[in-house]
Amino acid sequence: MNASFSRRQLLLAMLATPLVLSACGDKAPKQPAFRNLEGVDMSSADFAKDFSLLDTEGQRRTMADYRGKIVLIFFGFTQCPDVCPTALTRAVEIKEQLGEDGDKLQVLFISIDPERDTPELLRAYMQAFDPGFVALRPTEEELAKTASDFKVFYQKVPTGSSYTMDHSALTYVYDTQGKLQIALRHTQTAEEAVADIRQVLALSK
């Protein structure tokens, strides 16, 4: 065997090595579940999996109660001056714009102000937006745990002789199996939110 042939074999072997390593290396990266979202892709999140809270009728609710529905969860309070009514008004518009798929939507409003948000007040507040929306009223201990589980911020802020609440403004969106998929930003329009939610609906078909 001549020297030039040996060098040529060695060169070919070296060039082939990256191809072998590539074929035997790690698996290809996971493709994103969604495309062109206006909201936040939460499909890989390992939190906000479940809750156990009383509704305004005194019935304990969990995510399992809404299996088969696209669930929107928002944390807020009835005396919120702008963020909460804006989010709930948008939820009404989302339901309308979804057309027939609007029946698959369930909005859950978790109170961060159980001190003032009585069951009667929360019930009336939901009725003002949509009778199908459900309000959940935790105890202070349940609120602390649920907010931690969902990575939601809330804080009482004194205002003269009373107080208001600072809080996160994302709306979590779950698929029909109760899996968190996306988070709607507060700045999204109803149209943008519907486009995102339709991608979640597509996962369930």
N, C-alpha and C. Protein backbone atom coordinates (compact mmCIF):
# COMPACT_ATOMS: atom_id res chain seq x y z
N MET A 1 0.86 -1.19 0.00
CA MET A 1 0.00 0.00 0.00
C MET A 1 0.89 1.23 0.00
N ASN A 2 0.64 2.18 -0.94
CA ASN A 2 1.49 3.34 -0.99
C ASN A 2 1.06 4.39 0.01
N ALA A 3 1.97 5.36 0.28
CA ALA A 3 1.73 6.37 1.31
C ALA A 3 0.60 7.30 0.94
N SER A 4 0.47 7.66 -0.36
CA SER A 4 -0.57 8.60 -0.76
C SER A 4 -1.95 8.00 -0.56
N PHE A 5 -2.10 6.68 -0.81
CA PHE A 5 -3.38 6.01 -0.62
C PHE A 5 -3.76 5.98 0.86
N SER A 6 -2.76 5.73 1.71
CA SER A 6 -3.01 5.69 3.16
C SER A 6 -3.46 7.05 3.67
N ARG A 7 -2.80 8.12 3.18
CA ARG A 7 -3.18 9.47 3.62
C ARG A 7 -4.60 9.80 3.17
N ARG A 8 -4.95 9.35 1.94
CA ARG A 8 -6.30 9.62 1.42
C ARG A 8 -7.35 8.90 2.26
N GLN A 9 -7.06 7.67 2.67
CA GLN A 9 -7.99 6.93 3.54
C GLN A 9 -8.18 7.63 4.88
N LEU A 10 -7.05 8.11 5.45
CA LEU A 10 -7.10 8.78 6.73
C LEU A 10 -7.92 10.06 6.63
N LEU A 11 -7.74 10.81 5.54
CA LEU A 11 -8.49 12.05 5.35
C LEU A 11 -9.98 11.79 5.23
N LEU A 12 -10.32 10.77 4.46
CA LEU A 12 -11.74 10.42 4.31
C LEU A 12 -12.35 9.99 5.63
N ALA A 13 -11.59 9.28 6.43
CA ALA A 13 -12.07 8.82 7.73
C ALA A 13 -12.32 10.00 8.66
N MET A 14 -11.40 11.00 8.61
CA MET A 14 -11.56 12.18 9.45
C MET A 14 -12.77 13.00 9.04
N LEU A 15 -13.01 13.11 7.73
CA LEU A 15 -14.16 13.86 7.25
C LEU A 15 -15.47 13.17 7.61
N ALA A 16 -15.43 11.88 7.68
CA ALA A 16 -16.66 11.12 7.99
C ALA A 16 -17.01 11.15 9.46
N THR A 17 -16.01 11.42 10.31
CA THR A 17 -16.23 11.36 11.76
C THR A 17 -17.37 12.26 12.24
N PRO A 18 -17.43 13.55 11.84
CA PRO A 18 -18.53 14.40 12.32
C PRO A 18 -19.89 13.87 11.96
N LEU A 19 -20.00 13.21 10.76
CA LEU A 19 -21.28 12.66 10.36
C LEU A 19 -21.70 11.53 11.28
N VAL A 20 -20.74 10.72 11.69
CA VAL A 20 -21.04 9.61 12.59
C VAL A 20 -21.46 10.14 13.95
N LEU A 21 -20.71 11.14 14.46
CA LEU A 21 -21.04 11.71 15.76
C LEU A 21 -22.40 12.36 15.73
N SER A 22 -22.72 13.01 14.62
CA SER A 22 -24.01 13.67 14.50
C SER A 22 -25.14 12.66 14.53
N ALA A 23 -24.92 11.54 13.86
CA ALA A 23 -25.97 10.53 13.80
C ALA A 23 -26.15 9.83 15.13
N CYS A 24 -25.07 9.72 15.92
CA CYS A 24 -25.13 8.98 17.17
C CYS A 24 -25.30 9.88 18.39
N GLY A 25 -25.36 11.20 18.17
CA GLY A 25 -25.42 12.12 19.29
C GLY A 25 -26.81 12.26 19.85
N ASP A 26 -27.06 13.41 20.50
CA ASP A 26 -28.35 13.66 21.13
C ASP A 26 -29.46 13.70 20.10
N LYS A 27 -30.66 13.48 20.57
CA LYS A 27 -31.83 13.57 19.70
C LYS A 27 -32.02 15.00 19.23
N ALA A 28 -32.72 15.14 18.11
CA ALA A 28 -32.99 16.47 17.58
C ALA A 28 -33.81 17.26 18.59
N PRO A 29 -33.60 18.58 18.68
CA PRO A 29 -34.36 19.38 19.64
C PRO A 29 -35.85 19.32 19.37
N LYS A 30 -36.62 19.35 20.44
CA LYS A 30 -38.08 19.28 20.33
C LYS A 30 -38.62 20.48 19.57
N GLN A 31 -39.50 20.20 18.64
CA GLN A 31 -40.11 21.28 17.86
C GLN A 31 -41.09 22.06 18.75
N PRO A 32 -41.17 23.36 18.60
CA PRO A 32 -42.10 24.13 19.41
C PRO A 32 -43.54 23.71 19.15
N ALA A 33 -44.34 23.71 20.21
CA ALA A 33 -45.74 23.28 20.08
C ALA A 33 -46.57 24.29 19.31
N PHE A 34 -46.15 25.55 19.35
CA PHE A 34 -46.93 26.62 18.74
C PHE A 34 -46.07 27.47 17.82
N ARG A 35 -46.72 28.17 16.92
CA ARG A 35 -46.01 29.05 16.01
C ARG A 35 -46.68 30.43 16.00
N ASN A 36 -45.84 31.44 15.99
CA ASN A 36 -46.32 32.83 15.90
C ASN A 36 -47.28 33.21 17.02
N LEU A 37 -46.99 32.75 18.23
CA LEU A 37 -47.82 33.13 19.37
C LEU A 37 -47.62 34.59 19.72
N GLU A 38 -48.70 35.24 20.11
CA GLU A 38 -48.61 36.58 20.72
C GLU A 38 -48.41 36.43 22.22
N GLY A 39 -48.90 35.32 22.75
CA GLY A 39 -48.74 35.03 24.17
C GLY A 39 -47.44 34.30 24.44
N VAL A 40 -47.39 33.62 25.59
CA VAL A 40 -46.18 32.94 26.03
C VAL A 40 -46.39 31.43 25.98
N ASP A 41 -45.47 30.73 25.33
CA ASP A 41 -45.54 29.27 25.27
C ASP A 41 -45.20 28.71 26.65
N MET A 42 -46.18 28.05 27.28
CA MET A 42 -45.99 27.47 28.62
C MET A 42 -46.06 25.95 28.59
N SER A 43 -45.98 25.37 27.40
CA SER A 43 -46.19 23.93 27.26
C SER A 43 -45.15 23.09 27.99
N SER A 44 -44.00 23.68 28.29
CA SER A 44 -42.96 22.94 29.02
C SER A 44 -42.93 23.28 30.51
N ALA A 45 -43.86 24.11 30.95
CA ALA A 45 -43.88 24.55 32.35
C ALA A 45 -44.18 23.38 33.28
N ASP A 46 -43.50 23.37 34.42
CA ASP A 46 -43.71 22.31 35.41
C ASP A 46 -44.35 22.90 36.67
N PHE A 47 -45.33 23.76 36.48
CA PHE A 47 -46.05 24.35 37.60
C PHE A 47 -47.46 24.68 37.14
N ALA A 48 -48.26 25.26 38.04
CA ALA A 48 -49.65 25.62 37.73
C ALA A 48 -50.43 24.42 37.20
N LYS A 49 -50.25 23.28 37.89
CA LYS A 49 -50.87 22.05 37.41
C LYS A 49 -52.30 21.85 37.91
N ASP A 50 -52.59 22.32 39.12
CA ASP A 50 -53.91 22.05 39.69
C ASP A 50 -54.19 22.99 40.85
N PHE A 51 -55.42 22.96 41.32
CA PHE A 51 -55.84 23.74 42.47
C PHE A 51 -56.97 22.98 43.15
N SER A 52 -57.30 23.38 44.36
CA SER A 52 -58.44 22.83 45.07
C SER A 52 -59.06 23.96 45.88
N LEU A 53 -60.11 24.58 45.31
CA LEU A 53 -60.69 25.79 45.89
C LEU A 53 -62.22 25.74 45.83
N LEU A 54 -62.86 26.48 46.71
CA LEU A 54 -64.32 26.55 46.73
C LEU A 54 -64.82 27.57 45.73
N ASP A 55 -65.91 27.21 45.03
CA ASP A 55 -66.58 28.20 44.18
C ASP A 55 -67.58 28.99 45.02
N THR A 56 -68.34 29.86 44.41
CA THR A 56 -69.25 30.73 45.16
C THR A 56 -70.46 29.99 45.72
N GLU A 57 -70.64 28.73 45.31
CA GLU A 57 -71.74 27.92 45.85
C GLU A 57 -71.24 27.00 46.97
N GLY A 58 -69.96 27.13 47.29
CA GLY A 58 -69.41 26.30 48.36
C GLY A 58 -68.95 24.93 47.91
N GLN A 59 -68.87 24.71 46.60
CA GLN A 59 -68.44 23.42 46.07
C GLN A 59 -66.95 23.47 45.76
N ARG A 60 -66.22 22.46 46.23
CA ARG A 60 -64.78 22.42 45.98
C ARG A 60 -64.52 22.02 44.54
N ARG A 61 -63.65 22.77 43.90
CA ARG A 61 -63.35 22.57 42.49
C ARG A 61 -61.86 22.27 42.27
N THR A 62 -61.59 21.45 41.27
CA THR A 62 -60.22 21.19 40.83
C THR A 62 -60.21 21.24 39.30
N MET A 63 -59.02 21.12 38.71
CA MET A 63 -58.93 21.12 37.25
C MET A 63 -59.73 19.99 36.63
N ALA A 64 -59.83 18.87 37.34
CA ALA A 64 -60.54 17.71 36.80
C ALA A 64 -62.01 18.02 36.50
N ASP A 65 -62.59 18.98 37.22
CA ASP A 65 -63.99 19.34 37.00
C ASP A 65 -64.21 19.96 35.62
N TYR A 66 -63.15 20.43 35.01
CA TYR A 66 -63.28 21.15 33.74
C TYR A 66 -62.60 20.41 32.60
N ARG A 67 -62.36 19.11 32.78
CA ARG A 67 -61.78 18.29 31.73
C ARG A 67 -62.71 18.32 30.51
N GLY A 68 -62.13 18.47 29.34
CA GLY A 68 -62.93 18.60 28.12
C GLY A 68 -63.14 20.04 27.70
N LYS A 69 -62.75 20.98 28.56
CA LYS A 69 -62.88 22.41 28.27
C LYS A 69 -61.51 23.05 28.07
N ILE A 70 -61.46 24.11 27.29
CA ILE A 70 -60.30 24.99 27.26
C ILE A 70 -60.49 25.95 28.43
N VAL A 71 -59.59 25.91 29.39
CA VAL A 71 -59.75 26.67 30.63
C VAL A 71 -58.83 27.89 30.63
N LEU A 72 -59.42 29.05 30.95
CA LEU A 72 -58.67 30.28 31.14
C LEU A 72 -58.71 30.62 32.62
N ILE A 73 -57.55 30.77 33.24
CA ILE A 73 -57.47 31.11 34.67
C ILE A 73 -56.84 32.48 34.83
N PHE A 74 -57.55 33.35 35.58
CA PHE A 74 -57.04 34.68 35.86
C PHE A 74 -57.17 34.95 37.35
N PHE A 75 -56.13 35.52 37.96
CA PHE A 75 -56.15 35.89 39.37
C PHE A 75 -56.46 37.39 39.47
N GLY A 76 -57.45 37.75 40.32
CA GLY A 76 -57.80 39.15 40.45
C GLY A 76 -58.69 39.41 41.64
N PHE A 77 -59.33 40.57 41.67
CA PHE A 77 -60.22 40.93 42.78
C PHE A 77 -61.30 41.88 42.29
N THR A 78 -62.44 41.86 42.96
CA THR A 78 -63.61 42.57 42.45
C THR A 78 -63.47 44.09 42.48
N GLN A 79 -62.65 44.61 43.38
CA GLN A 79 -62.49 46.07 43.46
C GLN A 79 -61.33 46.58 42.61
N CYS A 80 -60.81 45.72 41.76
CA CYS A 80 -59.75 46.10 40.83
C CYS A 80 -60.29 47.17 39.88
N PRO A 81 -59.59 48.30 39.74
CA PRO A 81 -60.12 49.41 38.95
C PRO A 81 -60.03 49.24 37.44
N ASP A 82 -59.06 48.46 36.94
CA ASP A 82 -58.91 48.41 35.48
C ASP A 82 -58.44 47.06 34.95
N VAL A 83 -57.38 46.49 35.51
CA VAL A 83 -56.79 45.27 34.94
C VAL A 83 -57.79 44.12 34.91
N CYS A 84 -58.47 43.87 36.02
CA CYS A 84 -59.39 42.73 36.10
C CYS A 84 -60.61 42.90 35.19
N PRO A 85 -61.32 44.03 35.24
CA PRO A 85 -62.45 44.18 34.32
C PRO A 85 -62.03 44.14 32.86
N THR A 86 -60.83 44.64 32.57
CA THR A 86 -60.34 44.59 31.19
C THR A 86 -60.11 43.14 30.76
N ALA A 87 -59.49 42.35 31.63
CA ALA A 87 -59.22 40.94 31.31
C ALA A 87 -60.52 40.16 31.14
N LEU A 88 -61.49 40.41 31.99
CA LEU A 88 -62.76 39.68 31.92
C LEU A 88 -63.59 40.13 30.72
N THR A 89 -63.54 41.40 30.40
CA THR A 89 -64.23 41.89 29.20
C THR A 89 -63.62 41.24 27.96
N ARG A 90 -62.29 41.15 27.94
CA ARG A 90 -61.62 40.47 26.82
C ARG A 90 -62.03 39.00 26.75
N ALA A 91 -62.18 38.36 27.90
CA ALA A 91 -62.60 36.96 27.92
C ALA A 91 -63.99 36.80 27.29
N VAL A 92 -64.88 37.75 27.56
CA VAL A 92 -66.21 37.73 26.94
C VAL A 92 -66.08 37.84 25.42
N GLU A 93 -65.22 38.74 24.96
CA GLU A 93 -65.01 38.93 23.53
C GLU A 93 -64.38 37.70 22.89
N ILE A 94 -63.45 37.08 23.61
CA ILE A 94 -62.82 35.85 23.12
C ILE A 94 -63.88 34.77 22.89
N LYS A 95 -64.74 34.59 23.89
CA LYS A 95 -65.79 33.58 23.80
C LYS A 95 -66.70 33.85 22.60
N GLU A 96 -67.05 35.10 22.38
CA GLU A 96 -67.91 35.46 21.24
C GLU A 96 -67.20 35.19 19.92
N GLN A 97 -65.93 35.58 19.84
CA GLN A 97 -65.19 35.44 18.58
C GLN A 97 -64.85 33.98 18.25
N LEU A 98 -64.86 33.12 19.24
CA LEU A 98 -64.62 31.70 18.99
C LEU A 98 -65.81 31.03 18.32
N GLY A 99 -66.95 31.71 18.29
CA GLY A 99 -68.13 31.14 17.65
C GLY A 99 -68.60 29.88 18.35
N GLU A 100 -68.80 28.81 17.59
CA GLU A 100 -69.27 27.55 18.17
C GLU A 100 -68.27 27.00 19.18
N ASP A 101 -66.99 27.28 18.97
CA ASP A 101 -65.97 26.80 19.91
C ASP A 101 -66.02 27.54 21.25
N GLY A 102 -66.79 28.62 21.30
CA GLY A 102 -66.93 29.36 22.55
C GLY A 102 -67.53 28.51 23.66
N ASP A 103 -68.33 27.49 23.27
CA ASP A 103 -68.93 26.60 24.26
C ASP A 103 -67.88 25.72 24.94
N LYS A 104 -66.69 25.63 24.33
CA LYS A 104 -65.63 24.80 24.90
C LYS A 104 -64.77 25.59 25.88
N LEU A 105 -65.09 26.86 26.06
CA LEU A 105 -64.27 27.73 26.90
C LEU A 105 -64.84 27.84 28.32
N GLN A 106 -63.97 27.70 29.32
CA GLN A 106 -64.36 27.92 30.71
C GLN A 106 -63.41 28.90 31.35
N VAL A 107 -63.96 30.02 31.81
CA VAL A 107 -63.17 31.05 32.48
C VAL A 107 -63.27 30.87 33.99
N LEU A 108 -62.12 30.82 34.66
CA LEU A 108 -62.06 30.73 36.12
C LEU A 108 -61.35 31.97 36.66
N PHE A 109 -61.99 32.62 37.63
CA PHE A 109 -61.46 33.83 38.25
C PHE A 109 -61.14 33.51 39.69
N ILE A 110 -59.85 33.52 40.04
CA ILE A 110 -59.43 33.19 41.41
C ILE A 110 -59.18 34.48 42.17
N SER A 111 -59.93 34.70 43.24
CA SER A 111 -59.82 35.93 44.01
C SER A 111 -58.52 35.98 44.81
N ILE A 112 -57.85 37.13 44.74
CA ILE A 112 -56.66 37.36 45.57
C ILE A 112 -57.00 38.26 46.76
N ASP A 113 -58.31 38.51 46.94
CA ASP A 113 -58.76 39.39 48.03
C ASP A 113 -59.95 38.75 48.75
N PRO A 114 -59.75 37.53 49.32
CA PRO A 114 -60.87 36.86 49.98
C PRO A 114 -61.41 37.62 51.18
N GLU A 115 -60.62 38.55 51.71
CA GLU A 115 -61.09 39.36 52.84
C GLU A 115 -62.33 40.16 52.47
N ARG A 116 -62.36 40.69 51.26
CA ARG A 116 -63.50 41.51 50.82
C ARG A 116 -64.38 40.81 49.79
N ASP A 117 -63.81 39.88 49.05
CA ASP A 117 -64.57 39.20 48.00
C ASP A 117 -65.39 38.06 48.58
N THR A 118 -66.60 38.39 49.02
CA THR A 118 -67.51 37.39 49.56
C THR A 118 -68.06 36.54 48.40
N PRO A 119 -68.59 35.37 48.71
CA PRO A 119 -69.20 34.56 47.64
C PRO A 119 -70.29 35.31 46.88
N GLU A 120 -71.10 36.08 47.62
CA GLU A 120 -72.18 36.83 46.97
C GLU A 120 -71.63 37.89 46.03
N LEU A 121 -70.60 38.59 46.46
CA LEU A 121 -70.00 39.63 45.63
C LEU A 121 -69.33 39.02 44.39
N LEU A 122 -68.62 37.93 44.58
CA LEU A 122 -67.97 37.27 43.45
C LEU A 122 -68.99 36.73 42.46
N ARG A 123 -70.08 36.19 42.97
CA ARG A 123 -71.12 35.66 42.10
C ARG A 123 -71.72 36.77 41.24
N ALA A 124 -72.00 37.90 41.87
CA ALA A 124 -72.56 39.04 41.12
C ALA A 124 -71.55 39.59 40.12
N TYR A 125 -70.29 39.57 40.50
CA TYR A 125 -69.23 40.08 39.62
C TYR A 125 -69.12 39.23 38.36
N MET A 126 -69.19 37.91 38.51
CA MET A 126 -69.16 37.02 37.35
C MET A 126 -70.39 37.22 36.48
N GLN A 127 -71.54 37.36 37.11
CA GLN A 127 -72.78 37.56 36.35
C GLN A 127 -72.71 38.81 35.49
N ALA A 128 -72.00 39.81 35.95
CA ALA A 128 -71.89 41.06 35.20
C ALA A 128 -71.13 40.87 33.88
N PHE A 129 -70.32 39.82 33.82
CA PHE A 129 -69.55 39.56 32.60
C PHE A 129 -70.15 38.42 31.81
N ASP A 130 -70.28 37.25 32.44
CA ASP A 130 -70.85 36.08 31.77
C ASP A 130 -71.30 35.10 32.85
N PRO A 131 -72.56 34.67 32.81
CA PRO A 131 -73.05 33.74 33.84
C PRO A 131 -72.28 32.43 33.88
N GLY A 132 -71.59 32.08 32.79
CA GLY A 132 -70.84 30.84 32.76
C GLY A 132 -69.46 30.93 33.37
N PHE A 133 -69.00 32.15 33.65
CA PHE A 133 -67.69 32.31 34.29
C PHE A 133 -67.81 31.88 35.76
N VAL A 134 -66.75 31.26 36.27
CA VAL A 134 -66.77 30.74 37.64
C VAL A 134 -65.71 31.45 38.48
N ALA A 135 -66.13 31.94 39.65
CA ALA A 135 -65.20 32.56 40.59
C ALA A 135 -64.85 31.57 41.69
N LEU A 136 -63.60 31.55 42.08
CA LEU A 136 -63.12 30.68 43.15
C LEU A 136 -62.58 31.54 44.27
N ARG A 137 -62.98 31.22 45.51
CA ARG A 137 -62.61 32.04 46.66
C ARG A 137 -61.79 31.22 47.65
N PRO A 138 -60.47 31.38 47.64
CA PRO A 138 -59.63 30.64 48.57
C PRO A 138 -59.62 31.27 49.96
N THR A 139 -59.22 30.50 50.95
CA THR A 139 -58.86 31.09 52.24
C THR A 139 -57.51 31.77 52.05
N GLU A 140 -57.08 32.52 53.04
CA GLU A 140 -55.78 33.18 52.93
C GLU A 140 -54.66 32.13 52.76
N GLU A 141 -54.78 31.02 53.50
CA GLU A 141 -53.77 29.96 53.40
C GLU A 141 -53.81 29.30 52.03
N GLU A 142 -55.01 29.02 51.53
CA GLU A 142 -55.14 28.42 50.20
C GLU A 142 -54.63 29.36 49.12
N LEU A 143 -54.89 30.65 49.30
CA LEU A 143 -54.42 31.64 48.32
C LEU A 143 -52.90 31.64 48.25
N ALA A 144 -52.25 31.65 49.41
CA ALA A 144 -50.78 31.66 49.44
C ALA A 144 -50.22 30.43 48.72
N LYS A 145 -50.81 29.27 48.97
CA LYS A 145 -50.33 28.04 48.34
C LYS A 145 -50.60 28.05 46.84
N THR A 146 -51.82 28.43 46.45
CA THR A 146 -52.18 28.42 45.03
C THR A 146 -51.35 29.42 44.24
N ALA A 147 -51.18 30.62 44.80
CA ALA A 147 -50.36 31.63 44.12
C ALA A 147 -48.94 31.14 43.95
N SER A 148 -48.41 30.46 44.96
CA SER A 148 -47.06 29.92 44.86
C SER A 148 -47.00 28.82 43.81
N ASP A 149 -47.99 27.94 43.80
CA ASP A 149 -48.03 26.85 42.83
C ASP A 149 -48.12 27.38 41.40
N PHE A 150 -48.79 28.51 41.23
CA PHE A 150 -49.01 29.08 39.89
C PHE A 150 -48.00 30.19 39.57
N LYS A 151 -47.08 30.44 40.49
CA LYS A 151 -46.08 31.51 40.32
C LYS A 151 -46.75 32.86 40.03
N VAL A 152 -47.77 33.15 40.80
CA VAL A 152 -48.53 34.40 40.66
C VAL A 152 -48.15 35.35 41.79
N PHE A 153 -47.92 36.59 41.45
CA PHE A 153 -47.60 37.62 42.44
C PHE A 153 -48.87 38.35 42.88
N TYR A 154 -49.00 38.59 44.18
CA TYR A 154 -50.07 39.46 44.68
C TYR A 154 -49.58 40.12 45.97
N GLN A 155 -50.04 41.32 46.23
CA GLN A 155 -49.59 42.06 47.41
C GLN A 155 -50.61 43.13 47.79
N LYS A 156 -50.92 43.20 49.07
CA LYS A 156 -51.83 44.23 49.57
C LYS A 156 -51.07 45.56 49.65
N VAL A 157 -51.70 46.61 49.14
CA VAL A 157 -51.09 47.94 49.13
C VAL A 157 -52.03 48.93 49.83
N PRO A 158 -51.61 49.48 50.98
CA PRO A 158 -52.47 50.44 51.69
C PRO A 158 -52.77 51.67 50.84
N THR A 159 -54.02 52.12 50.90
CA THR A 159 -54.43 53.35 50.21
C THR A 159 -55.34 54.15 51.15
N GLY A 160 -54.75 55.05 51.90
CA GLY A 160 -55.54 55.81 52.87
C GLY A 160 -56.08 54.91 53.95
N SER A 161 -57.41 54.90 54.12
CA SER A 161 -58.02 54.07 55.15
C SER A 161 -58.36 52.68 54.65
N SER A 162 -58.05 52.39 53.39
CA SER A 162 -58.36 51.08 52.81
C SER A 162 -57.11 50.49 52.19
N TYR A 163 -57.28 49.67 51.19
CA TYR A 163 -56.14 49.07 50.49
C TYR A 163 -56.57 48.64 49.10
N THR A 164 -55.59 48.44 48.24
CA THR A 164 -55.82 47.82 46.95
C THR A 164 -54.86 46.64 46.82
N MET A 165 -54.88 45.96 45.68
CA MET A 165 -54.04 44.79 45.48
C MET A 165 -53.23 44.94 44.20
N ASP A 166 -51.92 44.73 44.34
CA ASP A 166 -51.07 44.58 43.15
C ASP A 166 -51.03 43.09 42.81
N HIS A 167 -51.02 42.77 41.52
CA HIS A 167 -51.01 41.34 41.17
C HIS A 167 -50.57 41.12 39.73
N SER A 168 -50.20 39.88 39.44
CA SER A 168 -49.85 39.48 38.09
C SER A 168 -51.07 39.61 37.18
N ALA A 169 -50.80 39.79 35.88
CA ALA A 169 -51.92 40.03 34.96
C ALA A 169 -51.97 39.04 33.80
N LEU A 170 -51.24 37.93 33.90
CA LEU A 170 -51.32 36.92 32.85
C LEU A 170 -52.58 36.08 32.99
N THR A 171 -53.08 35.59 31.87
CA THR A 171 -54.19 34.63 31.87
C THR A 171 -53.64 33.30 31.39
N TYR A 172 -53.73 32.26 32.23
CA TYR A 172 -53.24 30.94 31.86
C TYR A 172 -54.29 30.22 31.02
N VAL A 173 -53.84 29.52 29.98
CA VAL A 173 -54.74 28.78 29.09
C VAL A 173 -54.37 27.30 29.13
N TYR A 174 -55.36 26.45 29.44
CA TYR A 174 -55.16 25.01 29.54
C TYR A 174 -55.90 24.29 28.42
N ASP A 175 -55.32 23.17 27.97
CA ASP A 175 -56.00 22.38 26.94
C ASP A 175 -57.11 21.55 27.58
N THR A 176 -57.79 20.75 26.77
CA THR A 176 -58.96 20.01 27.26
C THR A 176 -58.59 18.88 28.22
N GLN A 177 -57.28 18.58 28.33
CA GLN A 177 -56.83 17.57 29.28
C GLN A 177 -56.30 18.19 30.58
N GLY A 178 -56.43 19.51 30.70
CA GLY A 178 -56.01 20.18 31.93
C GLY A 178 -54.53 20.49 31.98
N LYS A 179 -53.87 20.53 30.82
CA LYS A 179 -52.42 20.83 30.75
C LYS A 179 -52.22 22.29 30.35
N LEU A 180 -51.41 22.99 31.14
CA LEU A 180 -51.08 24.38 30.83
C LEU A 180 -50.34 24.43 29.50
N GLN A 181 -50.82 25.31 28.59
CA GLN A 181 -50.21 25.40 27.27
C GLN A 181 -49.65 26.78 26.97
N ILE A 182 -50.41 27.83 27.24
CA ILE A 182 -49.94 29.18 26.96
C ILE A 182 -50.38 30.14 28.05
N ALA A 183 -49.80 31.33 28.04
CA ALA A 183 -50.24 32.42 28.90
C ALA A 183 -50.51 33.62 28.02
N LEU A 184 -51.69 34.19 28.15
CA LEU A 184 -52.04 35.39 27.40
C LEU A 184 -51.50 36.61 28.13
N ARG A 185 -50.84 37.48 27.39
CA ARG A 185 -50.38 38.73 27.97
C ARG A 185 -51.57 39.67 28.13
N HIS A 186 -51.48 40.54 29.14
CA HIS A 186 -52.58 41.48 29.37
C HIS A 186 -52.75 42.45 28.20
N THR A 187 -51.66 42.69 27.46
CA THR A 187 -51.70 43.65 26.35
C THR A 187 -52.26 43.06 25.06
N GLN A 188 -52.51 41.76 25.03
CA GLN A 188 -53.05 41.16 23.82
C GLN A 188 -54.49 41.58 23.57
N THR A 189 -54.83 41.77 22.30
CA THR A 189 -56.22 42.04 21.94
C THR A 189 -57.00 40.73 21.97
N ALA A 190 -58.31 40.83 21.93
CA ALA A 190 -59.14 39.63 21.88
C ALA A 190 -58.83 38.82 20.62
N GLU A 191 -58.61 39.51 19.51
CA GLU A 191 -58.31 38.83 18.26
C GLU A 191 -57.01 38.04 18.35
N GLU A 192 -55.99 38.65 18.95
CA GLU A 192 -54.71 37.97 19.12
C GLU A 192 -54.85 36.78 20.06
N ALA A 193 -55.64 36.95 21.12
CA ALA A 193 -55.86 35.86 22.07
C ALA A 193 -56.59 34.70 21.41
N VAL A 194 -57.58 35.00 20.58
CA VAL A 194 -58.33 33.95 19.88
C VAL A 194 -57.41 33.15 18.97
N ALA A 195 -56.51 33.84 18.26
CA ALA A 195 -55.58 33.14 17.38
C ALA A 195 -54.70 32.18 18.18
N ASP A 196 -54.26 32.60 19.36
CA ASP A 196 -53.46 31.72 20.22
C ASP A 196 -54.29 30.54 20.73
N ILE A 197 -55.50 30.83 21.19
CA ILE A 197 -56.35 29.78 21.76
C ILE A 197 -56.75 28.75 20.71
N ARG A 198 -56.91 29.17 19.47
CA ARG A 198 -57.25 28.23 18.41
C ARG A 198 -56.13 27.20 18.21
N GLN A 199 -54.89 27.61 18.49
CA GLN A 199 -53.79 26.65 18.41
C GLN A 199 -53.90 25.61 19.52
N VAL A 200 -54.37 26.05 20.69
CA VAL A 200 -54.58 25.10 21.79
C VAL A 200 -55.74 24.17 21.45
N LEU A 201 -56.79 24.72 20.86
CA LEU A 201 -57.93 23.88 20.44
C LEU A 201 -57.49 22.83 19.43
N ALA A 202 -56.57 23.21 18.53
CA ALA A 202 -56.11 22.28 17.51
C ALA A 202 -55.39 21.09 18.13
N LEU A 203 -54.75 21.29 19.28
CA LEU A 203 -54.06 20.19 19.95
C LEU A 203 -55.03 19.13 20.45
N SER A 204 -56.26 19.53 20.69
CA SER A 204 -57.25 18.64 21.29
C SER A 204 -58.10 17.89 20.27
N LYS A 205 -57.84 18.16 18.99
CA LYS A 205 -58.65 17.52 17.95
C LYS A 205 -57.97 16.28 17.40
